């Protein structure tokens, strides 16, 4: 019986670790100054193009991923949907209608279907000072992130179910 409980616990741990690894793969999202460049969050003044780079995996084949760049006050400066066709790396060249990004702070989101999956805050020119919270400030609303909830809730429910089944079997076997 102890062996069965040990196997159930090992299986639960394996499922949890696999789901964490898959979540990390999905969220490999960064910005760069080249289509296949390293992650950068500080760009020089006059930057015309910033590349949003992310990996698609077979698990999300056919799903729509959208890159959205926001500027001051949440104004959408760039938005482009992409469809994942399998395991591949996508590189989306983002720009503005002005032809360059003015100095300032920006937010680039990667949406899976309609839900945010990853975000990067970045600056052009000198880094923008981080705002200091005041007691009168209102906290921003929490965004719905279904993919992150799914990545956690499904394995957690599976682990709980395995533990419950192992406990029930143990109780039946020890009741004799």
C-alpha atoms as a PDB file:
ATOM      1  CA  UNK A   1       0.000   0.000   0.000  1.00  0.00           C
ATOM      2  CA  UNK A   2       2.801   2.401   0.857  1.00  0.00           C
ATOM      3  CA  UNK A   3       4.258   1.689  -2.572  1.00  0.00           C
ATOM      4  CA  UNK A   4       0.987   2.737  -4.262  1.00  0.00           C
ATOM      5  CA  UNK A   5       0.898   6.004  -2.328  1.00  0.00           C
ATOM      6  CA  UNK A   6       4.530   6.674  -3.295  1.00  0.00           C
ATOM      7  CA  UNK A   7       3.752   6.035  -6.956  1.00  0.00           C
ATOM      8  CA  UNK A   8       0.716   8.348  -6.802  1.00  0.00           C
ATOM      9  CA  UNK A   9       2.803  11.114  -5.234  1.00  0.00           C
ATOM     10  CA  UNK A  10       5.572  10.672  -7.838  1.00  0.00           C
ATOM     11  CA  UNK A  11       3.008  10.823 -10.645  1.00  0.00           C
ATOM     12  CA  UNK A  12       1.486  13.981  -9.170  1.00  0.00           C
ATOM     13  CA  UNK A  13       4.885  15.645  -8.938  1.00  0.00           C
ATOM     14  CA  UNK A  14       5.681  14.659 -12.544  1.00  0.00           C
ATOM     15  CA  UNK A  15       2.422  16.186 -13.820  1.00  0.00           C
ATOM     16  CA  UNK A  16       3.094  19.397 -11.892  1.00  0.00           C
ATOM     17  CA  UNK A  17       6.662  19.750 -13.180  1.00  0.00           C
ATOM     18  CA  UNK A  18       5.609  19.020 -16.777  1.00  0.00           C
ATOM     19  CA  UNK A  19       2.896  21.681 -16.659  1.00  0.00           C
ATOM     20  CA  UNK A  20       5.355  24.242 -15.261  1.00  0.00           C
ATOM     21  CA  UNK A  21       7.818  23.436 -18.046  1.00  0.00           C
ATOM     22  CA  UNK A  22       5.097  23.817 -20.704  1.00  0.00           C
ATOM     23  CA  UNK A  23       3.993  27.160 -19.241  1.00  0.00           C
ATOM     24  CA  UNK A  24       7.580  28.440 -19.397  1.00  0.00           C
ATOM     25  CA  UNK A  25       7.870  27.384 -23.045  1.00  0.00           C
ATOM     26  CA  UNK A  26       4.671  29.186 -23.986  1.00  0.00           C
ATOM     27  CA  UNK A  27       5.708  32.433 -22.330  1.00  0.00           C
ATOM     28  CA  UNK A  28       9.045  32.775 -24.117  1.00  0.00           C
ATOM     29  CA  UNK A  29       8.248  36.333 -25.229  1.00  0.00           C
ATOM     30  CA  UNK A  30      10.727  39.195 -25.568  1.00  0.00           C
ATOM     31  CA  UNK A  31      11.533  42.351 -27.514  1.00  0.00           C
ATOM     32  CA  UNK A  32      14.675  43.032 -29.516  1.00  0.00           C
ATOM     33  CA  UNK A  33      16.262  45.372 -32.047  1.00  0.00           C
ATOM     34  CA  UNK A  34      16.744  42.476 -34.505  1.00  0.00           C
ATOM     35  CA  UNK A  35      14.340  39.781 -35.800  1.00  0.00           C
ATOM     36  CA  UNK A  36      16.298  37.062 -33.986  1.00  0.00           C
ATOM     37  CA  UNK A  37      18.035  39.196 -31.370  1.00  0.00           C
ATOM     38  CA  UNK A  38      18.395  38.946 -27.611  1.00  0.00           C
ATOM     39  CA  UNK A  39      15.887  40.374 -25.126  1.00  0.00           C
ATOM     40  CA  UNK A  40      16.124  44.168 -24.813  1.00  0.00           C
ATOM     41  CA  UNK A  41      13.972  46.615 -22.832  1.00  0.00           C
ATOM     42  CA  UNK A  42      15.993  49.823 -23.399  1.00  0.00           C
ATOM     43  CA  UNK A  43      16.122  51.198 -26.967  1.00  0.00           C
ATOM     44  CA  UNK A  44      17.958  54.328 -28.212  1.00  0.00           C
ATOM     45  CA  UNK A  45      16.169  57.516 -29.248  1.00  0.00           C
ATOM     46  CA  UNK A  46      14.856  57.414 -32.808  1.00  0.00           C
ATOM     47  CA  UNK A  47      14.197  53.661 -32.818  1.00  0.00           C
ATOM     48  CA  UNK A  48      11.986  52.910 -35.819  1.00  0.00           C
ATOM     49  CA  UNK A  49      11.316  49.179 -35.355  1.00  0.00           C
ATOM     50  CA  UNK A  50      11.076  46.971 -32.281  1.00  0.00           C
ATOM     51  CA  UNK A  51      10.733  43.230 -32.853  1.00  0.00           C
ATOM     52  CA  UNK A  52       8.313  41.239 -30.694  1.00  0.00           C
ATOM     53  CA  UNK A  53       9.554  37.648 -30.639  1.00  0.00           C
ATOM     54  CA  UNK A  54       7.676  34.628 -29.304  1.00  0.00           C
ATOM     55  CA  UNK A  55       7.569  30.871 -29.691  1.00  0.00           C
ATOM     56  CA  UNK A  56       4.598  28.909 -30.911  1.00  0.00           C
ATOM     57  CA  UNK A  57       4.320  25.291 -29.839  1.00  0.00           C
ATOM     58  CA  UNK A  58       2.223  22.460 -31.265  1.00  0.00           C
ATOM     59  CA  UNK A  59      -0.133  22.725 -28.274  1.00  0.00           C
ATOM     60  CA  UNK A  60      -1.387  26.126 -29.475  1.00  0.00           C
ATOM     61  CA  UNK A  61      -1.397  25.323 -33.214  1.00  0.00           C
ATOM     62  CA  UNK A  62      -4.126  27.282 -34.993  1.00  0.00           C
ATOM     63  CA  UNK A  63      -4.619  29.772 -32.147  1.00  0.00           C
ATOM     64  CA  UNK A  64      -4.454  33.479 -32.820  1.00  0.00           C
ATOM     65  CA  UNK A  65      -1.713  35.390 -31.050  1.00  0.00           C
ATOM     66  CA  UNK A  66      -1.869  39.194 -31.149  1.00  0.00           C
ATOM     67  CA  UNK A  67       0.932  41.677 -30.527  1.00  0.00           C
ATOM     68  CA  UNK A  68      -0.291  45.022 -29.152  1.00  0.00           C
ATOM     69  CA  UNK A  69       1.963  48.001 -28.349  1.00  0.00           C
ATOM     70  CA  UNK A  70       0.579  50.702 -26.075  1.00  0.00           C
ATOM     71  CA  UNK A  71       2.013  54.145 -25.469  1.00  0.00           C
ATOM     72  CA  UNK A  72       1.044  57.028 -23.210  1.00  0.00           C
ATOM     73  CA  UNK A  73      -2.277  56.648 -21.437  1.00  0.00           C
ATOM     74  CA  UNK A  74      -2.836  53.202 -22.952  1.00  0.00           C
ATOM     75  CA  UNK A  75      -3.150  54.437 -26.540  1.00  0.00           C
ATOM     76  CA  UNK A  76      -2.764  51.493 -28.945  1.00  0.00           C
ATOM     77  CA  UNK A  77       0.091  52.312 -31.313  1.00  0.00           C
ATOM     78  CA  UNK A  78       0.429  48.951 -33.033  1.00  0.00           C
ATOM     79  CA  UNK A  79      -1.650  45.777 -33.229  1.00  0.00           C
ATOM     80  CA  UNK A  80      -1.135  42.728 -35.407  1.00  0.00           C
ATOM     81  CA  UNK A  81      -2.586  39.209 -35.165  1.00  0.00           C
ATOM     82  CA  UNK A  82      -0.495  36.124 -35.939  1.00  0.00           C
ATOM     83  CA  UNK A  83      -1.640  32.513 -36.268  1.00  0.00           C
ATOM     84  CA  UNK A  84       0.538  29.753 -34.852  1.00  0.00           C
ATOM     85  CA  UNK A  85       1.012  26.973 -37.403  1.00  0.00           C
ATOM     86  CA  UNK A  86       3.090  24.653 -35.206  1.00  0.00           C
ATOM     87  CA  UNK A  87       6.425  24.771 -33.420  1.00  0.00           C
ATOM     88  CA  UNK A  88       8.056  27.935 -34.700  1.00  0.00           C
ATOM     89  CA  UNK A  89       9.457  31.278 -33.617  1.00  0.00           C
ATOM     90  CA  UNK A  90       7.523  34.341 -34.742  1.00  0.00           C
ATOM     91  CA  UNK A  91       9.160  37.755 -35.066  1.00  0.00           C
ATOM     92  CA  UNK A  92       6.807  40.693 -35.564  1.00  0.00           C
ATOM     93  CA  UNK A  93       8.257  44.075 -36.577  1.00  0.00           C
ATOM     94  CA  UNK A  94       6.358  46.756 -34.640  1.00  0.00           C
ATOM     95  CA  UNK A  95       6.387  50.456 -35.502  1.00  0.00           C
ATOM     96  CA  UNK A  96       4.171  53.515 -35.168  1.00  0.00           C
ATOM     97  CA  UNK A  97       2.312  55.643 -37.689  1.00  0.00           C
ATOM     98  CA  UNK A  98       5.021  58.287 -37.160  1.00  0.00           C
ATOM     99  CA  UNK A  99       7.663  55.875 -38.442  1.00  0.00           C
ATOM    100  CA  UNK A 100       9.606  55.804 -35.158  1.00  0.00           C
ATOM    101  CA  UNK A 101       8.977  55.457 -31.428  1.00  0.00           C
ATOM    102  CA  UNK A 102       9.224  58.797 -29.626  1.00  0.00           C
ATOM    103  CA  UNK A 103      11.171  58.787 -26.360  1.00  0.00           C
ATOM    104  CA  UNK A 104       9.064  57.359 -23.560  1.00  0.00           C
ATOM    105  CA  UNK A 105       7.748  54.209 -21.916  1.00  0.00           C
ATOM    106  CA  UNK A 106       5.795  51.523 -23.780  1.00  0.00           C
ATOM    107  CA  UNK A 107       3.946  48.322 -22.997  1.00  0.00           C
ATOM    108  CA  UNK A 108       3.858  45.393 -25.414  1.00  0.00           C
ATOM    109  CA  UNK A 109       1.366  42.605 -24.748  1.00  0.00           C
ATOM    110  CA  UNK A 110       1.139  39.169 -26.297  1.00  0.00           C
ATOM    111  CA  UNK A 111      -2.474  37.983 -26.373  1.00  0.00           C
ATOM    112  CA  UNK A 112      -3.479  34.358 -26.846  1.00  0.00           C
ATOM    113  CA  UNK A 113      -6.883  34.524 -28.476  1.00  0.00           C
ATOM    114  CA  UNK A 114      -8.264  37.523 -26.549  1.00  0.00           C
ATOM    115  CA  UNK A 115      -6.481  37.048 -23.220  1.00  0.00           C
ATOM    116  CA  UNK A 116      -3.081  38.540 -22.263  1.00  0.00           C
ATOM    117  CA  UNK A 117      -0.401  35.869 -22.091  1.00  0.00           C
ATOM    118  CA  UNK A 118       2.777  37.932 -21.552  1.00  0.00           C
ATOM    119  CA  UNK A 119       3.828  41.573 -21.222  1.00  0.00           C
ATOM    120  CA  UNK A 120       7.023  43.596 -21.517  1.00  0.00           C
ATOM    121  CA  UNK A 121       7.488  47.200 -20.359  1.00  0.00           C
ATOM    122  CA  UNK A 122      10.221  48.987 -22.308  1.00  0.00           C
ATOM    123  CA  UNK A 123      11.706  52.439 -22.856  1.00  0.00           C
ATOM    124  CA  UNK A 124      12.975  54.478 -25.786  1.00  0.00           C
ATOM    125  CA  UNK A 125      15.572  57.133 -24.945  1.00  0.00           C
ATOM    126  CA  UNK A 126      16.354  57.697 -21.293  1.00  0.00           C
ATOM    127  CA  UNK A 127      14.592  55.285 -18.920  1.00  0.00           C
ATOM    128  CA  UNK A 128      11.393  56.717 -17.513  1.00  0.00           C
ATOM    129  CA  UNK A 129      11.400  57.053 -13.735  1.00  0.00           C
ATOM    130  CA  UNK A 130       9.151  54.592 -11.974  1.00  0.00           C
ATOM    131  CA  UNK A 131       6.055  56.327 -10.568  1.00  0.00           C
ATOM    132  CA  UNK A 132       5.778  56.580  -6.814  1.00  0.00           C
ATOM    133  CA  UNK A 133       2.488  55.347  -5.407  1.00  0.00           C
ATOM    134  CA  UNK A 134       0.547  57.810  -3.307  1.00  0.00           C
ATOM    135  CA  UNK A 135      -2.089  56.896  -0.732  1.00  0.00           C
ATOM    136  CA  UNK A 136      -4.785  58.361  -2.995  1.00  0.00           C
ATOM    137  CA  UNK A 137      -3.839  56.269  -6.032  1.00  0.00           C
ATOM    138  CA  UNK A 138      -6.253  53.631  -7.240  1.00  0.00           C
ATOM    139  CA  UNK A 139      -4.878  50.155  -7.931  1.00  0.00           C
ATOM    140  CA  UNK A 140      -5.239  48.987 -11.507  1.00  0.00           C
ATOM    141  CA  UNK A 141      -7.698  46.143 -12.211  1.00  0.00           C
ATOM    142  CA  UNK A 142      -6.312  42.640 -12.503  1.00  0.00           C
ATOM    143  CA  UNK A 143      -6.464  41.313 -16.068  1.00  0.00           C
ATOM    144  CA  UNK A 144      -8.053  37.974 -16.822  1.00  0.00           C
ATOM    145  CA  UNK A 145      -5.356  35.562 -17.845  1.00  0.00           C
ATOM    146  CA  UNK A 146      -7.111  32.358 -18.761  1.00  0.00           C
ATOM    147  CA  UNK A 147      -4.024  30.614 -20.070  1.00  0.00           C
ATOM    148  CA  UNK A 148      -2.140  31.148 -16.800  1.00  0.00           C
ATOM    149  CA  UNK A 149      -5.121  29.958 -14.785  1.00  0.00           C
ATOM    150  CA  UNK A 150      -5.465  26.942 -17.083  1.00  0.00           C
ATOM    151  CA  UNK A 151      -1.746  26.179 -16.769  1.00  0.00           C
ATOM    152  CA  UNK A 152      -2.070  26.084 -12.991  1.00  0.00           C
ATOM    153  CA  UNK A 153      -5.622  24.892 -12.326  1.00  0.00           C
ATOM    154  CA  UNK A 154      -5.647  21.800 -14.543  1.00  0.00           C
ATOM    155  CA  UNK A 155      -2.478  20.226 -13.084  1.00  0.00           C
ATOM    156  CA  UNK A 156      -3.509  21.235  -9.555  1.00  0.00           C
ATOM    157  CA  UNK A 157      -6.906  19.584 -10.031  1.00  0.00           C
ATOM    158  CA  UNK A 158      -5.216  16.471 -11.442  1.00  0.00           C
ATOM    159  CA  UNK A 159      -2.891  16.287  -8.435  1.00  0.00           C
ATOM    160  CA  UNK A 160      -5.773  16.673  -6.009  1.00  0.00           C
ATOM    161  CA  UNK A 161      -7.735  13.985  -7.847  1.00  0.00           C
ATOM    162  CA  UNK A 162      -4.789  11.576  -7.735  1.00  0.00           C
ATOM    163  CA  UNK A 163      -4.313  12.206  -4.014  1.00  0.00           C
ATOM    164  CA  UNK A 164      -8.038  11.719  -3.387  1.00  0.00           C
ATOM    165  CA  UNK A 165      -8.093   8.429  -5.325  1.00  0.00           C
ATOM    166  CA  UNK A 166      -4.952   7.201  -3.539  1.00  0.00           C
ATOM    167  CA  UNK A 167      -6.501   8.076  -0.161  1.00  0.00           C
ATOM    168  CA  UNK A 168      -9.786   6.315  -1.068  1.00  0.00           C
ATOM    169  CA  UNK A 169      -7.959   3.171  -2.173  1.00  0.00           C
ATOM    170  CA  UNK A 170      -5.872   3.237   0.979  1.00  0.00           C
ATOM    171  CA  UNK A 171      -9.003   3.533   3.117  1.00  0.00           C
ATOM    172  CA  UNK A 172     -10.673   0.612   1.308  1.00  0.00           C
ATOM    173  CA  UNK A 173      -7.613  -1.608   1.650  1.00  0.00           C
ATOM    174  CA  UNK A 174      -7.028  -0.825   5.345  1.00  0.00           C
ATOM    175  CA  UNK A 175     -10.687  -1.310   6.281  1.00  0.00           C
ATOM    176  CA  UNK A 176     -10.301  -5.123   6.048  1.00  0.00           C
END
